[in-house]
């Protein structure tokens, strides 16, 4: 195992709840309602996909860049006030660093939003951070994980990815990485090269090393 990559929203930190709050507020400005079922369509996706979907659902005549600004400003403000690290994530991060395993953060969120989260979590805990601003195609495309592996000089097939969404799992699998899935809003089935658990408290460094390639 040459490196481990953490997803951010819903895996590292409890930010899916914050996304729901901000999406609901923005949709109210667009004159429409928003539900957890709407949010489930967007888990692990990009800001562009979110904005397009919100405009389609609301039917509002508002420029996409305006909605994007509302979303980004709201998320940064809320996350900058602090965000909860999910159970087991901090301990696993520390254990990996103690063993000298390179660790990356790979997210479909914008850099501004990732920076707001990292104020709470600690940027220095990651050897590399890849956001939506660093790639041309976000998850479920493998480019984010391939980019992280390239930046660290490691082979994707010798990396483990920690994910909570089907989009993220698809991206990691397409990149050739082994996966530990901790489903948040949507179910994820076990598969070769994939371990599905209910919490990161259930896995340690030895479990990650024991995973076969995808």
Foldseek 3Di string as FASTA:
>chain_A
DQAEEEEPDPAFFPCLVVLQVLLQVLLVVLVDGDDVVLSLVQPQHALLVVLVSSCVVSVGPDDSVVSSVSSLVSLLVVLLVDTGTFPQNLVQLVQCVVVVRAYEYFYAYDPSNVVSNCVHVPPVSHPYYHYVVNDPDGFVALVRVVVVCVVVVHQLQQYEYEEADPRVVNNSVVSFHQYEYQHDSDDDDDDQSYHYDPHNVVDHPVNRNPGHID
